[in-house]
Amino acid sequence: MTKKFRVDITATAESDVAGIWEYIAQDKPEAATAFVLRLEEQISTLENFPERCQLVPENELLGSAYRHLVFGNYRTIFRIVGARVIILRVVHGSQLLDMGLLEG
């Protein structure tokens, strides 16, 4: 039987997703809703095999072990703690991580 992970989304990550919706909805509200629903579906797949996602390149500089799930132009930044997947941020792929971003 495959191990299931509990996926927890921080308030900051929820705010990130709301901001993504608002940004896209300025031009296309229906597209914004569809994109966010697909993004949330992708995040939910982390219940199974979250280790399949690559470590973020910034780990070497940050001294961390964060992973990311890439969907469209966005990266869902998370870490695995025991049987939990903690979603920390959802950021545009062009945005580099720093500790201030993760603490925000």
PDB file of N, CA and C in Angstrom:
ATOM      1  N   MET A   1       0.837  -1.185   0.000  1.00  0.00           N
ATOM      2  CA  MET A   1       0.000   0.000   0.000  1.00  0.00           C
ATOM      3  C   MET A   1       0.882   1.249   0.000  1.00  0.00           C
ATOM      4  N   THR A   2       0.485   2.227  -0.789  1.00  0.00           N
ATOM      5  CA  THR A   2       1.238   3.459  -0.914  1.00  0.00           C
ATOM      6  C   THR A   2       0.989   4.360   0.293  1.00  0.00           C
ATOM      7  N   LYS A   3       2.060   4.929   0.801  1.00  0.00           N
ATOM      8  CA  LYS A   3       1.960   5.849   1.929  1.00  0.00           C
ATOM      9  C   LYS A   3       1.299   7.142   1.465  1.00  0.00           C
ATOM     10  N   LYS A   4       0.325   7.605   2.227  1.00  0.00           N
ATOM     11  CA  LYS A   4      -0.337   8.870   1.938  1.00  0.00           C
ATOM     12  C   LYS A   4       0.230   9.947   2.861  1.00  0.00           C
ATOM     13  N   PHE A   5       0.457  11.095   2.318  1.00  0.00           N
ATOM     14  CA  PHE A   5       0.924  12.245   3.072  1.00  0.00           C
ATOM     15  C   PHE A   5      -0.255  13.194   3.286  1.00  0.00           C
ATOM     16  N   ARG A   6      -0.248  13.884   4.394  1.00  0.00           N
ATOM     17  CA  ARG A   6      -1.234  14.931   4.641  1.00  0.00           C
ATOM     18  C   ARG A   6      -0.659  16.228   4.084  1.00  0.00           C
ATOM     19  N   VAL A   7      -1.415  16.895   3.247  1.00  0.00           N
ATOM     20  CA  VAL A   7      -0.971  18.149   2.634  1.00  0.00           C
ATOM     21  C   VAL A   7      -1.588  19.308   3.410  1.00  0.00           C
ATOM     22  N   ASP A   8      -0.719  20.115   4.022  1.00  0.00           N
ATOM     23  CA  ASP A   8      -1.147  21.298   4.772  1.00  0.00           C
ATOM     24  C   ASP A   8      -0.676  22.539   4.033  1.00  0.00           C
ATOM     25  N   ILE A   9      -1.583  23.483   3.867  1.00  0.00           N
ATOM     26  CA  ILE A   9      -1.264  24.710   3.149  1.00  0.00           C
ATOM     27  C   ILE A   9      -1.223  25.858   4.154  1.00  0.00           C
ATOM     28  N   THR A  10      -0.114  26.573   4.186  1.00  0.00           N
ATOM     29  CA  THR A  10       0.007  27.701   5.110  1.00  0.00           C
ATOM     30  C   THR A  10      -0.888  28.846   4.649  1.00  0.00           C
ATOM     31  N   ALA A  11      -1.185  29.730   5.582  1.00  0.00           N
ATOM     32  CA  ALA A  11      -1.991  30.909   5.257  1.00  0.00           C
ATOM     33  C   ALA A  11      -1.291  31.763   4.197  1.00  0.00           C
ATOM     34  N   THR A  12       0.025  31.810   4.261  1.00  0.00           N
ATOM     35  CA  THR A  12       0.782  32.588   3.272  1.00  0.00           C
ATOM     36  C   THR A  12       0.604  32.001   1.879  1.00  0.00           C
ATOM     37  N   ALA A  13       0.662  30.683   1.765  1.00  0.00           N
ATOM     38  CA  ALA A  13       0.469  30.031   0.462  1.00  0.00           C
ATOM     39  C   ALA A  13      -0.959  30.236  -0.034  1.00  0.00           C
ATOM     40  N   GLU A  14      -1.932  30.179   0.868  1.00  0.00           N
ATOM     41  CA  GLU A  14      -3.321  30.446   0.467  1.00  0.00           C
ATOM     42  C   GLU A  14      -3.456  31.871  -0.068  1.00  0.00           C
ATOM     43  N   SER A  15      -2.781  32.803   0.582  1.00  0.00           N
ATOM     44  CA  SER A  15      -2.790  34.187   0.128  1.00  0.00           C
ATOM     45  C   SER A  15      -2.132  34.310  -1.247  1.00  0.00           C
ATOM     46  N   ASP A  16      -1.055  33.560  -1.462  1.00  0.00           N
ATOM     47  CA  ASP A  16      -0.389  33.559  -2.768  1.00  0.00           C
ATOM     48  C   ASP A  16      -1.361  33.124  -3.866  1.00  0.00           C
ATOM     49  N   VAL A  17      -2.111  32.055  -3.607  1.00  0.00           N
ATOM     50  CA  VAL A  17      -3.061  31.528  -4.592  1.00  0.00           C
ATOM     51  C   VAL A  17      -4.162  32.557  -4.862  1.00  0.00           C
ATOM     52  N   ALA A  18      -4.641  33.212  -3.810  1.00  0.00           N
ATOM     53  CA  ALA A  18      -5.656  34.254  -3.992  1.00  0.00           C
ATOM     54  C   ALA A  18      -5.100  35.387  -4.856  1.00  0.00           C
ATOM     55  N   GLY A  19      -3.845  35.745  -4.637  1.00  0.00           N
ATOM     56  CA  GLY A  19      -3.214  36.793  -5.431  1.00  0.00           C
ATOM     57  C   GLY A  19      -3.063  36.398  -6.892  1.00  0.00           C
ATOM     58  N   ILE A  20      -2.756  35.136  -7.125  1.00  0.00           N
ATOM     59  CA  ILE A  20      -2.650  34.635  -8.505  1.00  0.00           C
ATOM     60  C   ILE A  20      -4.010  34.751  -9.191  1.00  0.00           C
ATOM     61  N   TRP A  21      -5.061  34.339  -8.467  1.00  0.00           N
ATOM     62  CA  TRP A  21      -6.400  34.442  -9.032  1.00  0.00           C
ATOM     63  C   TRP A  21      -6.723  35.903  -9.371  1.00  0.00           C
ATOM     64  N   GLU A  22      -6.449  36.806  -8.438  1.00  0.00           N
ATOM     65  CA  GLU A  22      -6.748  38.226  -8.660  1.00  0.00           C
ATOM     66  C   GLU A  22      -5.992  38.774  -9.866  1.00  0.00           C
ATOM     67  N   TYR A  23      -4.744  38.375 -10.004  1.00  0.00           N
ATOM     68  CA  TYR A  23      -3.935  38.857 -11.122  1.00  0.00           C
ATOM     69  C   TYR A  23      -4.523  38.398 -12.461  1.00  0.00           C
ATOM     70  N   ILE A  24      -4.812  37.097 -12.564  1.00  0.00           N
ATOM     71  CA  ILE A  24      -5.349  36.567 -13.822  1.00  0.00           C
ATOM     72  C   ILE A  24      -6.760  37.108 -14.072  1.00  0.00           C
ATOM     73  N   ALA A  25      -7.550  37.249 -13.009  1.00  0.00           N
ATOM     74  CA  ALA A  25      -8.947  37.673 -13.137  1.00  0.00           C
ATOM     75  C   ALA A  25      -9.100  39.108 -13.616  1.00  0.00           C
ATOM     76  N   GLN A  26      -8.047  39.896 -13.546  1.00  0.00           N
ATOM     77  CA  GLN A  26      -8.136  41.268 -14.057  1.00  0.00           C
ATOM     78  C   GLN A  26      -8.564  41.268 -15.521  1.00  0.00           C
ATOM     79  N   ASP A  27      -8.103  40.269 -16.260  1.00  0.00           N
ATOM     80  CA  ASP A  27      -8.449  40.166 -17.677  1.00  0.00           C
ATOM     81  C   ASP A  27      -9.457  39.070 -17.965  1.00  0.00           C
ATOM     82  N   LYS A  28      -9.339  37.944 -17.221  1.00  0.00           N
ATOM     83  CA  LYS A  28     -10.153  36.771 -17.543  1.00  0.00           C
ATOM     84  C   LYS A  28     -10.564  36.034 -16.265  1.00  0.00           C
ATOM     85  N   PRO A  29     -11.660  36.437 -15.636  1.00  0.00           N
ATOM     86  CA  PRO A  29     -12.082  35.794 -14.384  1.00  0.00           C
ATOM     87  C   PRO A  29     -12.321  34.285 -14.515  1.00  0.00           C
ATOM     88  N   GLU A  30     -12.921  33.864 -15.630  1.00  0.00           N
ATOM     89  CA  GLU A  30     -13.176  32.435 -15.803  1.00  0.00           C
ATOM     90  C   GLU A  30     -11.873  31.656 -15.918  1.00  0.00           C
ATOM     91  N   ALA A  31     -10.914  32.212 -16.636  1.00  0.00           N
ATOM     92  CA  ALA A  31      -9.611  31.562 -16.784  1.00  0.00           C
ATOM     93  C   ALA A  31      -8.893  31.511 -15.439  1.00  0.00           C
ATOM     94  N   ALA A  32      -9.062  32.541 -14.629  1.00  0.00           N
ATOM     95  CA  ALA A  32      -8.433  32.577 -13.306  1.00  0.00           C
ATOM     96  C   ALA A  32      -8.965  31.449 -12.440  1.00  0.00           C
ATOM     97  N   THR A  33     -10.275  31.285 -12.445  1.00  0.00           N
ATOM     98  CA  THR A  33     -10.883  30.219 -11.647  1.00  0.00           C
ATOM     99  C   THR A  33     -10.427  28.855 -12.140  1.00  0.00           C
ATOM    100  N   ALA A  34     -10.421  28.646 -13.445  1.00  0.00           N
ATOM    101  CA  ALA A  34      -9.992  27.368 -14.007  1.00  0.00           C
ATOM    102  C   ALA A  34      -8.533  27.078 -13.660  1.00  0.00           C
ATOM    103  N   PHE A  35      -7.677  28.093 -13.757  1.00  0.00           N
ATOM    104  CA  PHE A  35      -6.261  27.892 -13.458  1.00  0.00           C
ATOM    105  C   PHE A  35      -6.059  27.516 -11.994  1.00  0.00           C
ATOM    106  N   VAL A  36      -6.714  28.239 -11.098  1.00  0.00           N
ATOM    107  CA  VAL A  36      -6.544  27.966  -9.667  1.00  0.00           C
ATOM    108  C   VAL A  36      -7.066  26.576  -9.319  1.00  0.00           C
ATOM    109  N   LEU A  37      -8.174  26.159  -9.925  1.00  0.00           N
ATOM    110  CA  LEU A  37      -8.684  24.801  -9.678  1.00  0.00           C
ATOM    111  C   LEU A  37      -7.675  23.752 -10.129  1.00  0.00           C
ATOM    112  N   ARG A  38      -7.066  23.956 -11.303  1.00  0.00           N
ATOM    113  CA  ARG A  38      -6.042  23.009 -11.780  1.00  0.00           C
ATOM    114  C   ARG A  38      -4.806  23.038 -10.881  1.00  0.00           C
ATOM    115  N   LEU A  39      -4.420  24.230 -10.429  1.00  0.00           N
ATOM    116  CA  LEU A  39      -3.287  24.354  -9.513  1.00  0.00           C
ATOM    117  C   LEU A  39      -3.564  23.581  -8.225  1.00  0.00           C
ATOM    118  N   GLU A  40      -4.763  23.738  -7.670  1.00  0.00           N
ATOM    119  CA  GLU A  40      -5.122  23.030  -6.443  1.00  0.00           C
ATOM    120  C   GLU A  40      -5.149  21.522  -6.659  1.00  0.00           C
ATOM    121  N   GLU A  41      -5.583  21.071  -7.839  1.00  0.00           N
ATOM    122  CA  GLU A  41      -5.539  19.637  -8.163  1.00  0.00           C
ATOM    123  C   GLU A  41      -4.098  19.138  -8.162  1.00  0.00           C
ATOM    124  N   GLN A  42      -3.188  19.926  -8.749  1.00  0.00           N
ATOM    125  CA  GLN A  42      -1.777  19.545  -8.779  1.00  0.00           C
ATOM    126  C   GLN A  42      -1.217  19.453  -7.359  1.00  0.00           C
ATOM    127  N   ILE A  43      -1.546  20.420  -6.531  1.00  0.00           N
ATOM    128  CA  ILE A  43      -1.070  20.411  -5.148  1.00  0.00           C
ATOM    129  C   ILE A  43      -1.574  19.170  -4.420  1.00  0.00           C
ATOM    130  N   SER A  44      -2.831  18.794  -4.675  1.00  0.00           N
ATOM    131  CA  SER A  44      -3.388  17.628  -3.993  1.00  0.00           C
ATOM    132  C   SER A  44      -2.673  16.330  -4.378  1.00  0.00           C
ATOM    133  N   THR A  45      -2.020  16.303  -5.543  1.00  0.00           N
ATOM    134  CA  THR A  45      -1.287  15.091  -5.939  1.00  0.00           C
ATOM    135  C   THR A  45      -0.074  14.834  -5.050  1.00  0.00           C
ATOM    136  N   LEU A  46       0.302  15.825  -4.240  1.00  0.00           N
ATOM    137  CA  LEU A  46       1.447  15.654  -3.346  1.00  0.00           C
ATOM    138  C   LEU A  46       1.147  14.670  -2.217  1.00  0.00           C
ATOM    139  N   GLU A  47      -0.119  14.257  -2.086  1.00  0.00           N
ATOM    140  CA  GLU A  47      -0.461  13.201  -1.120  1.00  0.00           C
ATOM    141  C   GLU A  47       0.304  11.922  -1.434  1.00  0.00           C
ATOM    142  N   ASN A  48       0.598  11.724  -2.698  1.00  0.00           N
ATOM    143  CA  ASN A  48       1.308  10.528  -3.159  1.00  0.00           C
ATOM    144  C   ASN A  48       2.657  10.930  -3.743  1.00  0.00           C
ATOM    145  N   PHE A  49       3.695  10.376  -3.241  1.00  0.00           N
ATOM    146  CA  PHE A  49       5.049  10.561  -3.771  1.00  0.00           C
ATOM    147  C   PHE A  49       5.500  12.013  -3.902  1.00  0.00           C
ATOM    148  N   PRO A  50       5.463  12.804  -2.858  1.00  0.00           N
ATOM    149  CA  PRO A  50       5.945  14.180  -2.973  1.00  0.00           C
ATOM    150  C   PRO A  50       7.439  14.243  -3.284  1.00  0.00           C
ATOM    151  N   GLU A  51       8.142  13.141  -3.009  1.00  0.00           N
ATOM    152  CA  GLU A  51       9.579  13.101  -3.295  1.00  0.00           C
ATOM    153  C   GLU A  51       9.873  13.133  -4.787  1.00  0.00           C
ATOM    154  N   ARG A  52       8.847  12.940  -5.616  1.00  0.00           N
ATOM    155  CA  ARG A  52       9.044  12.976  -7.070  1.00  0.00           C
ATOM    156  C   ARG A  52       9.411  14.370  -7.546  1.00  0.00           C
ATOM    157  N   CYS A  53       9.077  15.371  -6.746  1.00  0.00           N
ATOM    158  CA  CYS A  53       9.352  16.757  -7.102  1.00  0.00           C
ATOM    159  C   CYS A  53      10.803  17.099  -6.781  1.00  0.00           C
ATOM    160  N   GLN A  54      11.383  17.892  -7.632  1.00  0.00           N
ATOM    161  CA  GLN A  54      12.787  18.257  -7.480  1.00  0.00           C
ATOM    162  C   GLN A  54      13.023  19.157  -6.283  1.00  0.00           C
ATOM    163  N   LEU A  55      14.238  19.064  -5.767  1.00  0.00           N
ATOM    164  CA  LEU A  55      14.690  20.020  -4.769  1.00  0.00           C
ATOM    165  C   LEU A  55      14.864  21.366  -5.468  1.00  0.00           C
ATOM    166  N   VAL A  56      14.566  22.457  -4.768  1.00  0.00           N
ATOM    167  CA  VAL A  56      14.716  23.771  -5.395  1.00  0.00           C
ATOM    168  C   VAL A  56      16.199  24.097  -5.541  1.00  0.00           C
ATOM    169  N   PRO A  57      16.576  24.764  -6.625  1.00  0.00           N
ATOM    170  CA  PRO A  57      17.990  25.107  -6.834  1.00  0.00           C
ATOM    171  C   PRO A  57      18.550  25.996  -5.728  1.00  0.00           C
ATOM    172  N   GLU A  58      17.704  26.777  -5.090  1.00  0.00           N
ATOM    173  CA  GLU A  58      18.161  27.700  -4.056  1.00  0.00           C
ATOM    174  C   GLU A  58      18.585  27.012  -2.765  1.00  0.00           C
ATOM    175  N   ASN A  59      18.305  25.719  -2.636  1.00  0.00           N
ATOM    176  CA  ASN A  59      18.651  25.005  -1.399  1.00  0.00           C
ATOM    177  C   ASN A  59      20.121  25.159  -1.026  1.00  0.00           C
ATOM    178  N   GLU A  60      20.979  25.119  -2.018  1.00  0.00           N
ATOM    179  CA  GLU A  60      22.408  25.219  -1.751  1.00  0.00           C
ATOM    180  C   GLU A  60      22.753  26.537  -1.055  1.00  0.00           C
ATOM    181  N   LEU A  61      22.117  27.610  -1.489  1.00  0.00           N
ATOM    182  CA  LEU A  61      22.359  28.916  -0.881  1.00  0.00           C
ATOM    183  C   LEU A  61      21.643  29.083   0.455  1.00  0.00           C
ATOM    184  N   LEU A  62      20.440  28.508   0.556  1.00  0.00           N
ATOM    185  CA  LEU A  62      19.631  28.687   1.754  1.00  0.00           C
ATOM    186  C   LEU A  62      19.946  27.671   2.850  1.00  0.00           C
ATOM    187  N   GLY A  63      20.647  26.587   2.475  1.00  0.00           N
ATOM    188  CA  GLY A  63      20.910  25.538   3.451  1.00  0.00           C
ATOM    189  C   GLY A  63      19.628  24.856   3.883  1.00  0.00           C
ATOM    190  N   SER A  64      18.760  24.587   2.933  1.00  0.00           N
ATOM    191  CA  SER A  64      17.457  24.014   3.231  1.00  0.00           C
ATOM    192  C   SER A  64      17.211  22.773   2.380  1.00  0.00           C
ATOM    193  N   ALA A  65      16.040  22.182   2.558  1.00  0.00           N
ATOM    194  CA  ALA A  65      15.659  21.001   1.773  1.00  0.00           C
ATOM    195  C   ALA A  65      14.249  21.183   1.222  1.00  0.00           C
ATOM    196  N   TYR A  66      13.995  22.329   0.631  1.00  0.00           N
ATOM    197  CA  TYR A  66      12.688  22.599   0.047  1.00  0.00           C
ATOM    198  C   TYR A  66      12.595  21.929  -1.320  1.00  0.00           C
ATOM    199  N   ARG A  67      11.373  21.581  -1.686  1.00  0.00           N
ATOM    200  CA  ARG A  67      11.082  21.021  -3.002  1.00  0.00           C
ATOM    201  C   ARG A  67      10.085  21.942  -3.693  1.00  0.00           C
ATOM    202  N   HIS A  68       9.926  21.733  -4.989  1.00  0.00           N
ATOM    203  CA  HIS A  68       8.911  22.514  -5.686  1.00  0.00           C
ATOM    204  C   HIS A  68       8.171  21.671  -6.704  1.00  0.00           C
ATOM    205  N   LEU A  69       6.908  22.011  -6.853  1.00  0.00           N
ATOM    206  CA  LEU A  69       6.039  21.433  -7.860  1.00  0.00           C
ATOM    207  C   LEU A  69       5.780  22.546  -8.852  1.00  0.00           C
ATOM    208  N   VAL A  70       6.171  22.335 -10.084  1.00  0.00           N
ATOM    209  CA  VAL A  70       6.016  23.370 -11.106  1.00  0.00           C
ATOM    210  C   VAL A  70       4.714  23.124 -11.867  1.00  0.00           C
ATOM    211  N   PHE A  71       3.901  24.162 -11.964  1.00  0.00           N
ATOM    212  CA  PHE A  71       2.659  24.093 -12.739  1.00  0.00           C
ATOM    213  C   PHE A  71       2.485  25.425 -13.450  1.00  0.00           C
ATOM    214  N   GLY A  72       2.448  25.384 -14.758  1.00  0.00           N
ATOM    215  CA  GLY A  72       2.375  26.617 -15.535  1.00  0.00           C
ATOM    216  C   GLY A  72       3.607  27.451 -15.245  1.00  0.00           C
ATOM    217  N   ASN A  73       3.404  28.716 -14.951  1.00  0.00           N
ATOM    218  CA  ASN A  73       4.518  29.608 -14.639  1.00  0.00           C
ATOM    219  C   ASN A  73       4.789  29.709 -13.142  1.00  0.00           C
ATOM    220  N   TYR A  74       4.182  28.830 -12.358  1.00  0.00           N
ATOM    221  CA  TYR A  74       4.260  28.951 -10.901  1.00  0.00           C
ATOM    222  C   TYR A  74       4.935  27.744 -10.257  1.00  0.00           C
ATOM    223  N   ARG A  75       5.589  28.030  -9.133  1.00  0.00           N
ATOM    224  CA  ARG A  75       6.233  26.985  -8.340  1.00  0.00           C
ATOM    225  C   ARG A  75       5.552  26.921  -6.977  1.00  0.00           C
ATOM    226  N   THR A  76       5.127  25.729  -6.611  1.00  0.00           N
ATOM    227  CA  THR A  76       4.602  25.495  -5.274  1.00  0.00           C
ATOM    228  C   THR A  76       5.776  25.003  -4.442  1.00  0.00           C
ATOM    229  N   ILE A  77       6.178  25.798  -3.462  1.00  0.00           N
ATOM    230  CA  ILE A  77       7.337  25.486  -2.627  1.00  0.00           C
ATOM    231  C   ILE A  77       6.841  24.755  -1.381  1.00  0.00           C
ATOM    232  N   PHE A  78       7.442  23.595  -1.098  1.00  0.00           N
ATOM    233  CA  PHE A  78       7.008  22.825   0.051  1.00  0.00           C
ATOM    234  C   PHE A  78       8.174  22.087   0.686  1.00  0.00           C
ATOM    235  N   ARG A  79       7.904  21.574   1.881  1.00  0.00           N
ATOM    236  CA  ARG A  79       8.857  20.699   2.533  1.00  0.00           C
ATOM    237  C   ARG A  79       8.094  19.501   3.072  1.00  0.00           C
ATOM    238  N   ILE A  80       8.806  18.418   3.230  1.00  0.00           N
ATOM    239  CA  ILE A  80       8.232  17.186   3.751  1.00  0.00           C
ATOM    240  C   ILE A  80       8.711  17.030   5.186  1.00  0.00           C
ATOM    241  N   VAL A  81       7.746  16.881   6.096  1.00  0.00           N
ATOM    242  CA  VAL A  81       8.062  16.687   7.515  1.00  0.00           C
ATOM    243  C   VAL A  81       7.291  15.460   7.972  1.00  0.00           C
ATOM    244  N   GLY A  82       7.997  14.357   8.117  1.00  0.00           N
ATOM    245  CA  GLY A  82       7.324  13.112   8.491  1.00  0.00           C
ATOM    246  C   GLY A  82       6.315  12.711   7.437  1.00  0.00           C
ATOM    247  N   ALA A  83       5.059  12.591   7.839  1.00  0.00           N
ATOM    248  CA  ALA A  83       3.993  12.206   6.919  1.00  0.00           C
ATOM    249  C   ALA A  83       3.207  13.426   6.437  1.00  0.00           C
ATOM    250  N   ARG A  84       3.805  14.615   6.586  1.00  0.00           N
ATOM    251  CA  ARG A  84       3.153  15.852   6.164  1.00  0.00           C
ATOM    252  C   ARG A  84       3.914  16.514   5.035  1.00  0.00           C
ATOM    253  N   VAL A  85       3.165  17.103   4.137  1.00  0.00           N
ATOM    254  CA  VAL A  85       3.707  17.985   3.112  1.00  0.00           C
ATOM    255  C   VAL A  85       3.197  19.372   3.473  1.00  0.00           C
ATOM    256  N   ILE A  86       4.115  20.288   3.731  1.00  0.00           N
ATOM    257  CA  ILE A  86       3.735  21.636   4.141  1.00  0.00           C
ATOM    258  C   ILE A  86       3.986  22.586   2.974  1.00  0.00           C
ATOM    259  N   ILE A  87       2.909  23.123   2.447  1.00  0.00           N
ATOM    260  CA  ILE A  87       2.998  24.072   1.338  1.00  0.00           C
ATOM    261  C   ILE A  87       3.328  25.438   1.935  1.00  0.00           C
ATOM    262  N   LEU A  88       4.495  25.977   1.567  1.00  0.00           N
ATOM    263  CA  LEU A  88       4.962  27.228   2.139  1.00  0.00           C
ATOM    264  C   LEU A  88       4.582  28.444   1.301  1.00  0.00           C
ATOM    265  N   ARG A  89       4.780  28.345  -0.001  1.00  0.00           N
ATOM    266  CA  ARG A  89       4.525  29.471  -0.908  1.00  0.00           C
ATOM    267  C   ARG A  89       4.128  28.937  -2.274  1.00  0.00           C
ATOM    268  N   VAL A  90       3.429  29.770  -3.023  1.00  0.00           N
ATOM    269  CA  VAL A  90       3.174  29.531  -4.443  1.00  0.00           C
ATOM    270  C   VAL A  90       3.620  30.811  -5.132  1.00  0.00           C
ATOM    271  N   VAL A  91       4.724  30.732  -5.866  1.00  0.00           N
ATOM    272  CA  VAL A  91       5.346  31.926  -6.436  1.00  0.00           C
ATOM    273  C   VAL A  91       5.557  31.764  -7.939  1.00  0.00           C
ATOM    274  N   HIS A  92       5.694  32.892  -8.611  1.00  0.00           N
ATOM    275  CA  HIS A  92       5.995  32.866 -10.041  1.00  0.00           C
ATOM    276  C   HIS A  92       7.367  32.231 -10.231  1.00  0.00           C
ATOM    277  N   GLY A  93       7.513  31.466 -11.275  1.00  0.00           N
ATOM    278  CA  GLY A  93       8.753  30.742 -11.534  1.00  0.00           C
ATOM    279  C   GLY A  93       9.973  31.618 -11.697  1.00  0.00           C
ATOM    280  N   SER A  94       9.779  32.882 -12.069  1.00  0.00           N
ATOM    281  CA  SER A  94      10.924  33.778 -12.244  1.00  0.00           C
ATOM    282  C   SER A  94      11.413  34.356 -10.918  1.00  0.00           C
ATOM    283  N   GLN A  95      10.658  34.130  -9.865  1.00  0.00           N
ATOM    284  CA  GLN A  95      10.995  34.695  -8.555  1.00  0.00           C
ATOM    285  C   GLN A  95      11.949  33.762  -7.806  1.00  0.00           C
ATOM    286  N   LEU A  96      13.096  34.293  -7.434  1.00  0.00           N
ATOM    287  CA  LEU A  96      14.055  33.514  -6.657  1.00  0.00           C
ATOM    288  C   LEU A  96      13.633  33.515  -5.198  1.00  0.00           C
ATOM    289  N   LEU A  97      13.922  32.404  -4.525  1.00  0.00           N
ATOM    290  CA  LEU A  97      13.593  32.303  -3.114  1.00  0.00           C
ATOM    291  C   LEU A  97      14.674  32.925  -2.259  1.00  0.00           C
ATOM    292  N   ASP A  98      14.256  33.501  -1.163  1.00  0.00           N
ATOM    293  CA  ASP A  98      15.171  33.882  -0.100  1.00  0.00           C
ATOM    294  C   ASP A  98      14.422  33.655   1.207  1.00  0.00           C
ATOM    295  N   MET A  99      15.113  33.688   2.301  1.00  0.00           N
ATOM    296  CA  MET A  99      14.478  33.379   3.580  1.00  0.00           C
ATOM    297  C   MET A  99      13.359  34.367   3.885  1.00  0.00           C
ATOM    298  N   GLY A 100      13.507  35.622   3.489  1.00  0.00           N
ATOM    299  CA  GLY A 100      12.456  36.595   3.724  1.00  0.00           C
ATOM    300  C   GLY A 100      11.162  36.222   3.011  1.00  0.00           C
ATOM    301  N   LEU A 101      11.283  35.678   1.816  1.00  0.00           N
ATOM    302  CA  LEU A 101      10.119  35.241   1.059  1.00  0.00           C
ATOM    303  C   LEU A 101       9.436  34.089   1.775  1.00  0.00           C
ATOM    304  N   LEU A 102      10.213  33.175   2.306  1.00  0.00           N
ATOM    305  CA  LEU A 102       9.622  32.015   2.971  1.00  0.00           C
ATOM    306  C   LEU A 102       9.061  32.356   4.334  1.00  0.00           C
ATOM    307  N   GLU A 103       9.618  33.366   4.988  1.00  0.00           N
ATOM    308  CA  GLU A 103       9.113  33.758   6.296  1.00  0.00           C
ATOM    309  C   GLU A 103       7.878  34.635   6.196  1.00  0.00           C
ATOM    310  N   GLY A 104       7.669  35.239   4.994  1.00  0.00           N
ATOM    311  CA  GLY A 104       6.574  36.184   4.810  1.00  0.00           C
ATOM    312  C   GLY A 104       5.262  35.548   4.947  1.00  0.00           C
TER     313      GLY A 104
END
